Amino acid sequence: PPAPSTGFTDVKTTDWFADEVMAAVEQGLMNGIGNNKFDPNGSLTRSMVVTMLYRMADEPNTTISNPFTDVQENRFYTKPVLWAYENGITTGSSATTFSPDAPITRQDLATMLYRYAKYRGENTSKFQAPGGYTDFDQISGYAIQAMCWCWSNELIKGYTTTTLAPQNICTRAQAATIFVRYMDQFE
């Protein structure tokens, strides 16, 4: 049976992410995947991230035409993708594709969240390079400022005490945690 405080059979009340998963669900940012499961260790996709951001923004209208051949009409992510693209929160994976089902890295999640904060008019000037991480040089150039801002605001913490793991795929539990931290500070 599900743990009493989560409702998900794969999220125990003792899991490090249990409170954040429940907060993300209660705040309408995320849903389970069905059958009383959340899939906390499952990969987060590009479409899931823009959908979470879209929900945080109260699902605004968008009027642009769809430039992406792989974003079909009437999918859960169609409006979020178009809104995020229209507002500079994301770009496509190419000029004509978005790759909605592609897993997203920690640095790409940080980049979208940073751009969302700018879109919302948040103060994005607080950032410094995190020290002591052996893989800091693995952050792609376009994501350095975003990763530094997320780290400085304690949205993303080290993957371990010595690594940031910017190229690692972000899990659903990690995303719930990062988004709840963002909402606690900025929303």
Foldseek 3Di string as FASTA:
>chain_A
DCAVPQQANPAHPPDPLRVLVNVCVVLPLDDAPDPRHNQQQAFDFPLSLLSSLCVVVVNDADDDDQQAPPQDPPDSRNRSVRVCCVQVLDAAPDRHHNRRGHFDFQLNSLSSVLSSCVSVVHDQPQFDQDPQAPCLVVRDPSRNSSVRSLVRLVLQDCPDSHHRRRGDGRGNSSVSSSVVSCVVPPD
